[in-house]
Amino acid sequence: MGLPPRVVVVYRRTEYEELIARHSTRRQMGFFLAQRERTLDEVEHRHAAQRGAAQEVLAAIPLDWRRGEVERGDLSRFVFGPEDVIVAVGQDGLVANVAKYLTGQIVVGINPEPERNPGVLVRHAPQAVGALLRKAVAPSSDTVIQSRTMVSAALDDGQGLTALNEVYVGHHSHQSARYVLQTPEGSTERQSSSGLLVGTGTGATGWCRSAWEERNSSVTLPGPEAAALSWFVREAWPSPATGTKHTQGLVHERQQLRVTAESDLVIFGDGIEGDALSLTWGQTAQVTVAASRLNLLV
């Protein structure tokens, strides 16, 4: 007889918890907020909404199922099992934070503050979690699970990372990055730029869309389930040694975008600069559609 399912509730510390850790007392925290024309009531209200939603999720887990909790900062040290159902309680970005650590498990996104969060990835109210958990464990004909594309960056020394929205390749301080770019079509160009973004259809609503709109791009951004990535070079600089001809495009499945460093660079995913790969001079990174995908219960 197999193990019962395990529900892993993923959350992040609230602003209230971060402020109380910094200022020690509620009174000091209130004084700090007042200096910035904010109120303690607002921060406490949001804290209560987040914690209330997490408690409602925990209460809805069947008594004969296993359960676990993990804070966002501990995700890299948490071991997920293949039978786990992941419940992310928070903002859309929390789903992206956990996606890179999963291997096909179903994710349920719970939105504790629908008046503040867009709810692209956290679509459900806390009250719905009981029925959603049953659908995740035993999908029926009306269960819809989105299989969202992820992006992968692999170095020539075997290191790699995946991300749900996008990966950034560039200088760690966002100064000029120097590298040789090879497009999926095989064209090569030496470039100096503010870095390179390669994003999925999920990320096409964020950082990549900003680059796309800024240059009035003709590139067709992929959908969240499409096996394709969009890529954009930020502020490419023309010089006798560097070009600006190849600054945008698409990477389809079984294609790759190659970057060979000519200065020390970093690669990070979904804006998490603290979890970055170092790309040193002469090293090459290949950016592709990831083999893993995010399975999101919608």
C-alpha atoms as a PDB file:
ATOM      1  CA  MET A   1       0.000   0.000   0.000  1.00  0.00           C
ATOM      2  CA  GLY A   2       1.444   3.344  -1.066  1.00  0.00           C
ATOM      3  CA  LEU A   3       1.907   6.399   1.054  1.00  0.00           C
ATOM      4  CA  PRO A   4      -0.993   8.853   1.286  1.00  0.00           C
ATOM      5  CA  PRO A   5      -0.537  12.130  -0.585  1.00  0.00           C
ATOM      6  CA  ARG A   6       1.437  14.916   1.031  1.00  0.00           C
ATOM      7  CA  VAL A   7       0.298  18.520   0.740  1.00  0.00           C
ATOM      8  CA  VAL A   8       3.185  20.996   0.934  1.00  0.00           C
ATOM      9  CA  VAL A   9       2.091  24.543   1.722  1.00  0.00           C
ATOM     10  CA  VAL A  10       4.535  27.123   0.361  1.00  0.00           C
ATOM     11  CA  TYR A  11       4.452  30.645   1.736  1.00  0.00           C
ATOM     12  CA  ARG A  12       6.682  33.646   2.275  1.00  0.00           C
ATOM     13  CA  ARG A  13       7.176  35.814   5.312  1.00  0.00           C
ATOM     14  CA  THR A  14       4.766  38.719   5.416  1.00  0.00           C
ATOM     15  CA  GLU A  15       5.856  42.338   5.508  1.00  0.00           C
ATOM     16  CA  TYR A  16       4.692  42.435   9.137  1.00  0.00           C
ATOM     17  CA  GLU A  17       7.008  39.548  10.064  1.00  0.00           C
ATOM     18  CA  GLU A  18       9.954  41.094   8.238  1.00  0.00           C
ATOM     19  CA  LEU A  19       9.405  44.470   9.920  1.00  0.00           C
ATOM     20  CA  ILE A  20       9.001  43.019  13.396  1.00  0.00           C
ATOM     21  CA  ALA A  21      12.220  41.052  12.911  1.00  0.00           C
ATOM     22  CA  ARG A  22      13.997  44.295  11.986  1.00  0.00           C
ATOM     23  CA  HIS A  23      12.466  46.636  14.554  1.00  0.00           C
ATOM     24  CA  SER A  24      11.802  44.191  17.438  1.00  0.00           C
ATOM     25  CA  THR A  25       8.606  45.789  18.739  1.00  0.00           C
ATOM     26  CA  ARG A  26       5.227  46.683  17.307  1.00  0.00           C
ATOM     27  CA  ARG A  27       5.615  50.256  18.553  1.00  0.00           C
ATOM     28  CA  GLN A  28       8.939  50.737  16.808  1.00  0.00           C
ATOM     29  CA  MET A  29       7.485  49.248  13.655  1.00  0.00           C
ATOM     30  CA  GLY A  30       4.549  51.650  13.811  1.00  0.00           C
ATOM     31  CA  PHE A  31       6.921  54.613  14.173  1.00  0.00           C
ATOM     32  CA  PHE A  32       8.960  53.421  11.163  1.00  0.00           C
ATOM     33  CA  LEU A  33       5.840  53.089   8.995  1.00  0.00           C
ATOM     34  CA  ALA A  34       4.507  56.491  10.075  1.00  0.00           C
ATOM     35  CA  GLN A  35       7.701  58.145   8.849  1.00  0.00           C
ATOM     36  CA  ARG A  36       6.864  56.735   5.413  1.00  0.00           C
ATOM     37  CA  GLU A  37       3.224  57.807   5.530  1.00  0.00           C
ATOM     38  CA  ARG A  38       1.977  54.259   5.980  1.00  0.00           C
ATOM     39  CA  THR A  39      -0.145  52.742   8.716  1.00  0.00           C
ATOM     40  CA  LEU A  40       0.352  49.785  10.987  1.00  0.00           C
ATOM     41  CA  ASP A  41      -3.281  48.791  10.409  1.00  0.00           C
ATOM     42  CA  GLU A  42      -2.617  48.204   6.699  1.00  0.00           C
ATOM     43  CA  VAL A  43       0.396  45.970   7.362  1.00  0.00           C
ATOM     44  CA  GLU A  44      -1.433  44.022  10.056  1.00  0.00           C
ATOM     45  CA  HIS A  45      -4.466  43.581   7.821  1.00  0.00           C
ATOM     46  CA  ARG A  46      -2.342  42.070   5.053  1.00  0.00           C
ATOM     47  CA  HIS A  47      -0.555  39.852   7.570  1.00  0.00           C
ATOM     48  CA  ALA A  48      -3.885  38.567   8.875  1.00  0.00           C
ATOM     49  CA  ALA A  49      -5.135  37.845   5.342  1.00  0.00           C
ATOM     50  CA  GLN A  50      -2.004  35.867   4.473  1.00  0.00           C
ATOM     51  CA  ARG A  51      -1.921  33.905   7.713  1.00  0.00           C
ATOM     52  CA  GLY A  52      -5.671  33.296   7.648  1.00  0.00           C
ATOM     53  CA  ALA A  53      -5.463  31.865   4.134  1.00  0.00           C
ATOM     54  CA  ALA A  54      -2.583  29.560   5.123  1.00  0.00           C
ATOM     55  CA  GLN A  55      -4.521  28.300   8.141  1.00  0.00           C
ATOM     56  CA  GLU A  56      -7.596  27.682   6.009  1.00  0.00           C
ATOM     57  CA  VAL A  57      -5.511  25.617   3.602  1.00  0.00           C
ATOM     58  CA  LEU A  58      -4.015  23.543   6.409  1.00  0.00           C
ATOM     59  CA  ALA A  59      -7.447  22.936   7.919  1.00  0.00           C
ATOM     60  CA  ALA A  60      -8.773  21.662   4.581  1.00  0.00           C
ATOM     61  CA  ILE A  61      -6.149  18.911   4.210  1.00  0.00           C
ATOM     62  CA  PRO A  62      -7.754  15.490   4.899  1.00  0.00           C
ATOM     63  CA  LEU A  63      -6.724  14.059   8.249  1.00  0.00           C
ATOM     64  CA  ASP A  64      -5.260  10.889   6.721  1.00  0.00           C
ATOM     65  CA  TRP A  65      -2.990  12.839   4.344  1.00  0.00           C
ATOM     66  CA  ARG A  66       0.502  13.981   5.178  1.00  0.00           C
ATOM     67  CA  ARG A  67       1.398  17.650   5.263  1.00  0.00           C
ATOM     68  CA  GLY A  68       4.393  19.964   5.220  1.00  0.00           C
ATOM     69  CA  GLU A  69       5.175  23.674   5.164  1.00  0.00           C
ATOM     70  CA  VAL A  70       8.108  25.534   3.653  1.00  0.00           C
ATOM     71  CA  GLU A  71       8.962  29.232   3.577  1.00  0.00           C
ATOM     72  CA  ARG A  72      10.194  30.689   0.290  1.00  0.00           C
ATOM     73  CA  GLY A  73      13.697  31.261   1.616  1.00  0.00           C
ATOM     74  CA  ASP A  74      14.063  27.559   2.458  1.00  0.00           C
ATOM     75  CA  LEU A  75      12.920  26.148  -0.891  1.00  0.00           C
ATOM     76  CA  SER A  76      16.439  25.295  -2.052  1.00  0.00           C
ATOM     77  CA  ARG A  77      16.875  23.047   1.017  1.00  0.00           C
ATOM     78  CA  PHE A  78      13.469  21.367   0.937  1.00  0.00           C
ATOM     79  CA  VAL A  79      13.062  17.890  -0.571  1.00  0.00           C
ATOM     80  CA  PHE A  80       9.863  17.511  -2.587  1.00  0.00           C
ATOM     81  CA  GLY A  81       8.486  14.032  -3.192  1.00  0.00           C
ATOM     82  CA  PRO A  82       6.885  12.797  -6.420  1.00  0.00           C
ATOM     83  CA  GLU A  83       3.535  12.304  -4.668  1.00  0.00           C
ATOM     84  CA  ASP A  84       3.402  15.850  -3.266  1.00  0.00           C
ATOM     85  CA  VAL A  85       0.686  18.364  -4.085  1.00  0.00           C
ATOM     86  CA  ILE A  86       2.056  21.892  -3.807  1.00  0.00           C
ATOM     87  CA  VAL A  87      -0.170  24.691  -2.523  1.00  0.00           C
ATOM     88  CA  ALA A  88       1.347  28.152  -2.971  1.00  0.00           C
ATOM     89  CA  VAL A  89      -0.354  30.734  -0.745  1.00  0.00           C
ATOM     90  CA  GLY A  90       0.607  34.262  -1.743  1.00  0.00           C
ATOM     91  CA  GLN A  91       1.413  36.318  -4.808  1.00  0.00           C
ATOM     92  CA  ASP A  92       1.891  35.033  -8.356  1.00  0.00           C
ATOM     93  CA  GLY A  93       5.666  35.235  -7.952  1.00  0.00           C
ATOM     94  CA  LEU A  94       5.571  32.544  -5.279  1.00  0.00           C
ATOM     95  CA  VAL A  95       4.528  29.982  -7.893  1.00  0.00           C
ATOM     96  CA  ALA A  96       7.518  30.973 -10.015  1.00  0.00           C
ATOM     97  CA  ASN A  97       9.779  30.680  -6.958  1.00  0.00           C
ATOM     98  CA  VAL A  98       8.754  27.072  -6.286  1.00  0.00           C
ATOM     99  CA  ALA A  99       8.417  25.890  -9.906  1.00  0.00           C
ATOM    100  CA  LYS A 100      12.179  25.501 -10.447  1.00  0.00           C
ATOM    101  CA  TYR A 101      12.407  22.961  -7.618  1.00  0.00           C
ATOM    102  CA  LEU A 102       9.648  20.662  -8.885  1.00  0.00           C
ATOM    103  CA  THR A 103       9.615  17.642 -11.184  1.00  0.00           C
ATOM    104  CA  GLY A 104       6.063  17.489 -12.454  1.00  0.00           C
ATOM    105  CA  GLN A 105       4.086  17.835  -9.206  1.00  0.00           C
ATOM    106  CA  ILE A 106       0.754  19.644  -9.455  1.00  0.00           C
ATOM    107  CA  VAL A 107       0.669  23.189  -8.077  1.00  0.00           C
ATOM    108  CA  VAL A 108      -2.427  24.900  -6.681  1.00  0.00           C
ATOM    109  CA  GLY A 109      -2.192  28.689  -6.365  1.00  0.00           C
ATOM    110  CA  ILE A 110      -4.155  30.346  -3.546  1.00  0.00           C
ATOM    111  CA  ASN A 111      -4.695  34.111  -3.596  1.00  0.00           C
ATOM    112  CA  PRO A 112      -5.115  35.589  -0.090  1.00  0.00           C
ATOM    113  CA  GLU A 113      -5.456  39.171  -1.374  1.00  0.00           C
ATOM    114  CA  PRO A 114      -7.441  39.257  -4.629  1.00  0.00           C
ATOM    115  CA  GLU A 115      -7.795  43.026  -4.291  1.00  0.00           C
ATOM    116  CA  ARG A 116      -3.995  43.354  -4.638  1.00  0.00           C
ATOM    117  CA  ASN A 117      -2.744  40.287  -6.539  1.00  0.00           C
ATOM    118  CA  PRO A 118      -3.515  39.860 -10.274  1.00  0.00           C
ATOM    119  CA  GLY A 119      -4.068  36.128  -9.765  1.00  0.00           C
ATOM    120  CA  VAL A 120      -2.489  34.912 -13.005  1.00  0.00           C
ATOM    121  CA  LEU A 121      -0.907  31.930 -11.246  1.00  0.00           C
ATOM    122  CA  VAL A 122      -2.678  32.082  -7.872  1.00  0.00           C
ATOM    123  CA  ARG A 123      -6.225  31.839  -9.182  1.00  0.00           C
ATOM    124  CA  HIS A 124      -8.161  30.317  -6.329  1.00  0.00           C
ATOM    125  CA  ALA A 125      -9.746  31.488  -3.096  1.00  0.00           C
ATOM    126  CA  PRO A 126      -8.704  29.746   0.142  1.00  0.00           C
ATOM    127  CA  GLN A 127     -12.255  28.412   0.558  1.00  0.00           C
ATOM    128  CA  ALA A 128     -11.895  26.301  -2.593  1.00  0.00           C
ATOM    129  CA  VAL A 129      -8.792  24.394  -1.547  1.00  0.00           C
ATOM    130  CA  GLY A 130     -10.545  21.265  -0.251  1.00  0.00           C
ATOM    131  CA  ALA A 131     -12.151  20.464  -3.605  1.00  0.00           C
ATOM    132  CA  LEU A 132      -8.972  21.467  -5.450  1.00  0.00           C
ATOM    133  CA  LEU A 133      -6.846  19.027  -3.466  1.00  0.00           C
ATOM    134  CA  ARG A 134      -9.169  16.164  -4.382  1.00  0.00           C
ATOM    135  CA  LYS A 135      -8.968  17.147  -8.049  1.00  0.00           C
ATOM    136  CA  ALA A 136      -5.177  17.294  -7.873  1.00  0.00           C
ATOM    137  CA  VAL A 137      -4.924  13.786  -6.425  1.00  0.00           C
ATOM    138  CA  ALA A 138      -7.684  12.209  -8.548  1.00  0.00           C
ATOM    139  CA  PRO A 139      -8.242  14.331 -11.685  1.00  0.00           C
ATOM    140  CA  SER A 140     -11.662  14.020 -13.300  1.00  0.00           C
ATOM    141  CA  SER A 141     -12.953  14.933 -16.740  1.00  0.00           C
ATOM    142  CA  ASP A 142     -13.516  18.547 -15.691  1.00  0.00           C
ATOM    143  CA  THR A 143     -10.060  18.989 -14.135  1.00  0.00           C
ATOM    144  CA  VAL A 144      -7.918  21.444 -16.097  1.00  0.00           C
ATOM    145  CA  ILE A 145      -4.166  21.317 -15.562  1.00  0.00           C
ATOM    146  CA  GLN A 146      -2.067  23.805 -17.492  1.00  0.00           C
ATOM    147  CA  SER A 147       1.361  22.537 -18.525  1.00  0.00           C
ATOM    148  CA  ARG A 148       3.372  25.751 -18.634  1.00  0.00           C
ATOM    149  CA  THR A 149       6.701  25.999 -20.438  1.00  0.00           C
ATOM    150  CA  MET A 150       9.863  26.729 -18.463  1.00  0.00           C
ATOM    151  CA  VAL A 151      13.273  27.989 -19.595  1.00  0.00           C
ATOM    152  CA  SER A 152      16.606  26.290 -18.924  1.00  0.00           C
ATOM    153  CA  ALA A 153      20.158  27.656 -18.888  1.00  0.00           C
ATOM    154  CA  ALA A 154      23.009  25.148 -18.940  1.00  0.00           C
ATOM    155  CA  LEU A 155      26.724  25.937 -18.595  1.00  0.00           C
ATOM    156  CA  ASP A 156      29.482  23.959 -20.297  1.00  0.00           C
ATOM    157  CA  ASP A 157      30.733  22.805 -16.876  1.00  0.00           C
ATOM    158  CA  GLY A 158      27.484  20.991 -16.092  1.00  0.00           C
ATOM    159  CA  GLN A 159      25.799  23.624 -13.919  1.00  0.00           C
ATOM    160  CA  GLY A 160      22.301  24.758 -14.786  1.00  0.00           C
ATOM    161  CA  LEU A 161      19.061  26.312 -13.652  1.00  0.00           C
ATOM    162  CA  THR A 162      15.455  26.523 -14.752  1.00  0.00           C
ATOM    163  CA  ALA A 163      12.919  29.324 -14.396  1.00  0.00           C
ATOM    164  CA  LEU A 164       9.228  29.846 -15.036  1.00  0.00           C
ATOM    165  CA  ASN A 165       9.312  33.466 -16.259  1.00  0.00           C
ATOM    166  CA  GLU A 166      12.738  34.258 -17.667  1.00  0.00           C
ATOM    167  CA  VAL A 167      16.475  34.003 -17.264  1.00  0.00           C
ATOM    168  CA  TYR A 168      18.799  36.993 -17.331  1.00  0.00           C
ATOM    169  CA  VAL A 169      22.357  36.788 -18.652  1.00  0.00           C
ATOM    170  CA  GLY A 170      24.535  39.812 -17.954  1.00  0.00           C
ATOM    171  CA  HIS A 171      26.903  41.612 -15.633  1.00  0.00           C
ATOM    172  CA  HIS A 172      26.163  41.124 -11.939  1.00  0.00           C
ATOM    173  CA  SER A 173      25.856  44.898 -11.421  1.00  0.00           C
ATOM    174  CA  HIS A 174      23.998  45.473 -14.727  1.00  0.00           C
ATOM    175  CA  GLN A 175      27.014  47.240 -16.243  1.00  0.00           C
ATOM    176  CA  SER A 176      28.044  46.464 -19.824  1.00  0.00           C
ATOM    177  CA  ALA A 177      28.201  42.740 -20.488  1.00  0.00           C
ATOM    178  CA  ARG A 178      30.510  41.502 -23.248  1.00  0.00           C
ATOM    179  CA  TYR A 179      29.862  38.195 -24.951  1.00  0.00           C
ATOM    180  CA  VAL A 180      29.434  36.419 -28.274  1.00  0.00           C
ATOM    181  CA  LEU A 181      25.829  35.590 -29.115  1.00  0.00           C
ATOM    182  CA  GLN A 182      24.850  32.712 -31.399  1.00  0.00           C
ATOM    183  CA  THR A 183      21.193  32.779 -32.445  1.00  0.00           C
ATOM    184  CA  PRO A 184      19.082  29.638 -32.966  1.00  0.00           C
ATOM    185  CA  GLU A 185      19.460  30.202 -36.712  1.00  0.00           C
ATOM    186  CA  GLY A 186      23.253  30.030 -36.403  1.00  0.00           C
ATOM    187  CA  SER A 187      24.156  33.719 -36.789  1.00  0.00           C
ATOM    188  CA  THR A 188      26.971  34.930 -34.538  1.00  0.00           C
ATOM    189  CA  GLU A 189      27.607  38.426 -33.217  1.00  0.00           C
ATOM    190  CA  ARG A 190      29.940  39.940 -30.622  1.00  0.00           C
ATOM    191  CA  GLN A 191      27.902  42.252 -28.419  1.00  0.00           C
ATOM    192  CA  SER A 192      28.178  44.692 -25.525  1.00  0.00           C
ATOM    193  CA  SER A 193      24.846  45.282 -23.787  1.00  0.00           C
ATOM    194  CA  SER A 194      22.953  45.629 -20.540  1.00  0.00           C
ATOM    195  CA  GLY A 195      22.260  41.911 -20.681  1.00  0.00           C
ATOM    196  CA  LEU A 196      20.041  39.374 -22.338  1.00  0.00           C
ATOM    197  CA  LEU A 197      16.519  38.249 -21.385  1.00  0.00           C
ATOM    198  CA  VAL A 198      15.081  34.905 -22.465  1.00  0.00           C
ATOM    199  CA  GLY A 199      11.501  34.355 -21.356  1.00  0.00           C
ATOM    200  CA  THR A 200       8.603  31.932 -21.529  1.00  0.00           C
ATOM    201  CA  GLY A 201       4.988  32.658 -22.355  1.00  0.00           C
ATOM    202  CA  THR A 202       4.361  33.078 -18.631  1.00  0.00           C
ATOM    203  CA  GLY A 203       7.186  35.618 -18.470  1.00  0.00           C
ATOM    204  CA  ALA A 204       5.793  37.363 -21.549  1.00  0.00           C
ATOM    205  CA  THR A 205       3.519  39.313 -19.203  1.00  0.00           C
ATOM    206  CA  GLY A 206       6.464  40.677 -17.204  1.00  0.00           C
ATOM    207  CA  TRP A 207      10.073  41.678 -17.863  1.00  0.00           C
ATOM    208  CA  CYS A 208      10.142  40.388 -21.445  1.00  0.00           C
ATOM    209  CA  ARG A 209       6.945  42.213 -22.262  1.00  0.00           C
ATOM    210  CA  SER A 210       8.534  45.433 -21.041  1.00  0.00           C
ATOM    211  CA  ALA A 211      11.403  44.946 -23.492  1.00  0.00           C
ATOM    212  CA  TRP A 212       8.969  43.931 -26.229  1.00  0.00           C
ATOM    213  CA  GLU A 213       6.783  47.006 -25.807  1.00  0.00           C
ATOM    214  CA  GLU A 214       9.696  49.416 -25.398  1.00  0.00           C
ATOM    215  CA  ARG A 215      11.070  48.599 -28.848  1.00  0.00           C
ATOM    216  CA  ASN A 216       7.655  48.084 -30.486  1.00  0.00           C
ATOM    217  CA  SER A 217       8.853  44.609 -31.400  1.00  0.00           C
ATOM    218  CA  SER A 218       7.436  42.556 -34.260  1.00  0.00           C
ATOM    219  CA  VAL A 219       8.266  39.295 -32.432  1.00  0.00           C
ATOM    220  CA  THR A 220       5.133  37.283 -31.598  1.00  0.00           C
ATOM    221  CA  LEU A 221       5.323  36.482 -27.899  1.00  0.00           C
ATOM    222  CA  PRO A 222       4.554  32.801 -27.161  1.00  0.00           C
ATOM    223  CA  GLY A 223       1.651  31.619 -25.031  1.00  0.00           C
ATOM    224  CA  PRO A 224       2.286  30.070 -21.604  1.00  0.00           C
ATOM    225  CA  GLU A 225       1.973  26.481 -22.877  1.00  0.00           C
ATOM    226  CA  ALA A 226       3.805  27.006 -26.180  1.00  0.00           C
ATOM    227  CA  ALA A 227       7.161  25.239 -26.457  1.00  0.00           C
ATOM    228  CA  ALA A 228       8.949  28.454 -27.397  1.00  0.00           C
ATOM    229  CA  LEU A 229      10.854  31.317 -25.776  1.00  0.00           C
ATOM    230  CA  SER A 230      11.282  34.956 -26.704  1.00  0.00           C
ATOM    231  CA  TRP A 231      14.658  36.667 -26.307  1.00  0.00           C
ATOM    232  CA  PHE A 232      15.710  40.307 -26.182  1.00  0.00           C
ATOM    233  CA  VAL A 233      19.095  42.014 -25.890  1.00  0.00           C
ATOM    234  CA  ARG A 234      18.903  45.069 -23.637  1.00  0.00           C
ATOM    235  CA  GLU A 235      20.569  48.254 -24.886  1.00  0.00           C
ATOM    236  CA  ALA A 236      23.024  46.694 -27.326  1.00  0.00           C
ATOM    237  CA  TRP A 237      25.921  49.068 -28.010  1.00  0.00           C
ATOM    238  CA  PRO A 238      27.276  49.559 -31.560  1.00  0.00           C
ATOM    239  CA  SER A 239      31.053  49.919 -31.829  1.00  0.00           C
ATOM    240  CA  PRO A 240      33.877  48.833 -34.161  1.00  0.00           C
ATOM    241  CA  ALA A 241      34.051  45.565 -32.167  1.00  0.00           C
ATOM    242  CA  THR A 242      30.397  44.959 -31.240  1.00  0.00           C
ATOM    243  CA  GLY A 243      27.176  44.834 -33.216  1.00  0.00           C
ATOM    244  CA  THR A 244      23.451  45.329 -32.815  1.00  0.00           C
ATOM    245  CA  LYS A 245      22.026  43.290 -35.659  1.00  0.00           C
ATOM    246  CA  HIS A 246      20.733  40.351 -33.629  1.00  0.00           C
ATOM    247  CA  THR A 247      18.794  41.678 -30.634  1.00  0.00           C
ATOM    248  CA  GLN A 248      15.523  39.734 -30.543  1.00  0.00           C
ATOM    249  CA  GLY A 249      13.856  36.558 -31.690  1.00  0.00           C
ATOM    250  CA  LEU A 250      12.374  33.215 -30.705  1.00  0.00           C
ATOM    251  CA  VAL A 251      13.851  29.945 -29.470  1.00  0.00           C
ATOM    252  CA  HIS A 252      11.722  26.956 -30.377  1.00  0.00           C
ATOM    253  CA  GLU A 253      11.871  23.464 -28.911  1.00  0.00           C
ATOM    254  CA  ARG A 254      15.110  21.633 -29.785  1.00  0.00           C
ATOM    255  CA  GLN A 255      16.769  24.982 -30.590  1.00  0.00           C
ATOM    256  CA  GLN A 256      19.256  26.872 -28.448  1.00  0.00           C
ATOM    257  CA  LEU A 257      20.562  30.359 -27.870  1.00  0.00           C
ATOM    258  CA  ARG A 258      24.291  30.306 -27.066  1.00  0.00           C
ATOM    259  CA  VAL A 259      26.186  32.939 -25.096  1.00  0.00           C
ATOM    260  CA  THR A 260      29.991  32.797 -24.782  1.00  0.00           C
ATOM    261  CA  ALA A 261      31.270  35.187 -22.128  1.00  0.00           C
ATOM    262  CA  GLU A 262      33.972  37.755 -22.870  1.00  0.00           C
ATOM    263  CA  SER A 263      33.634  39.252 -19.381  1.00  0.00           C
ATOM    264  CA  ASP A 264      32.516  37.753 -16.088  1.00  0.00           C
ATOM    265  CA  LEU A 265      28.737  37.375 -16.191  1.00  0.00           C
ATOM    266  CA  VAL A 266      25.926  35.911 -14.105  1.00  0.00           C
ATOM    267  CA  ILE A 267      22.769  34.007 -14.980  1.00  0.00           C
ATOM    268  CA  PHE A 268      19.729  34.052 -12.711  1.00  0.00           C
ATOM    269  CA  GLY A 269      16.097  33.132 -13.091  1.00  0.00           C
ATOM    270  CA  ASP A 270      12.852  34.877 -12.159  1.00  0.00           C
ATOM    271  CA  GLY A 271      14.655  37.842 -10.607  1.00  0.00           C
ATOM    272  CA  ILE A 272      16.299  35.796  -7.846  1.00  0.00           C
ATOM    273  CA  GLU A 273      19.804  37.260  -7.991  1.00  0.00           C
ATOM    274  CA  GLY A 274      20.876  35.365  -4.874  1.00  0.00           C
ATOM    275  CA  ASP A 275      20.553  32.051  -6.740  1.00  0.00           C
ATOM    276  CA  ALA A 276      22.771  32.777  -9.718  1.00  0.00           C
ATOM    277  CA  LEU A 277      25.285  30.918 -11.884  1.00  0.00           C
ATOM    278  CA  SER A 278      28.663  32.458 -12.650  1.00  0.00           C
ATOM    279  CA  LEU A 279      29.628  32.540 -16.331  1.00  0.00           C
ATOM    280  CA  THR A 280      33.338  33.338 -16.472  1.00  0.00           C
ATOM    281  CA  TRP A 281      35.389  34.528 -19.437  1.00  0.00           C
ATOM    282  CA  GLY A 282      35.385  31.899 -22.206  1.00  0.00           C
ATOM    283  CA  GLN A 283      32.543  29.829 -20.764  1.00  0.00           C
ATOM    284  CA  THR A 284      29.441  29.109 -22.838  1.00  0.00           C
ATOM    285  CA  ALA A 285      25.815  28.914 -21.746  1.00  0.00           C
ATOM    286  CA  GLN A 286      23.016  27.308 -23.735  1.00  0.00           C
ATOM    287  CA  VAL A 287      19.494  28.610 -23.162  1.00  0.00           C
ATOM    288  CA  THR A 288      16.687  26.291 -24.252  1.00  0.00           C
ATOM    289  CA  VAL A 289      13.105  25.282 -23.616  1.00  0.00           C
ATOM    290  CA  ALA A 290      13.319  23.276 -20.383  1.00  0.00           C
ATOM    291  CA  ALA A 291      12.494  19.596 -20.257  1.00  0.00           C
ATOM    292  CA  SER A 292      10.464  20.172 -17.075  1.00  0.00           C
ATOM    293  CA  ARG A 293       7.163  22.059 -17.059  1.00  0.00           C
ATOM    294  CA  LEU A 294       4.952  23.616 -14.417  1.00  0.00           C
ATOM    295  CA  ASN A 295       1.706  21.685 -13.910  1.00  0.00           C
ATOM    296  CA  LEU A 296      -0.738  24.319 -12.657  1.00  0.00           C
ATOM    297  CA  LEU A 297      -4.244  23.364 -11.577  1.00  0.00           C
ATOM    298  CA  VAL A 298      -6.555  26.008 -13.034  1.00  0.00           C
END
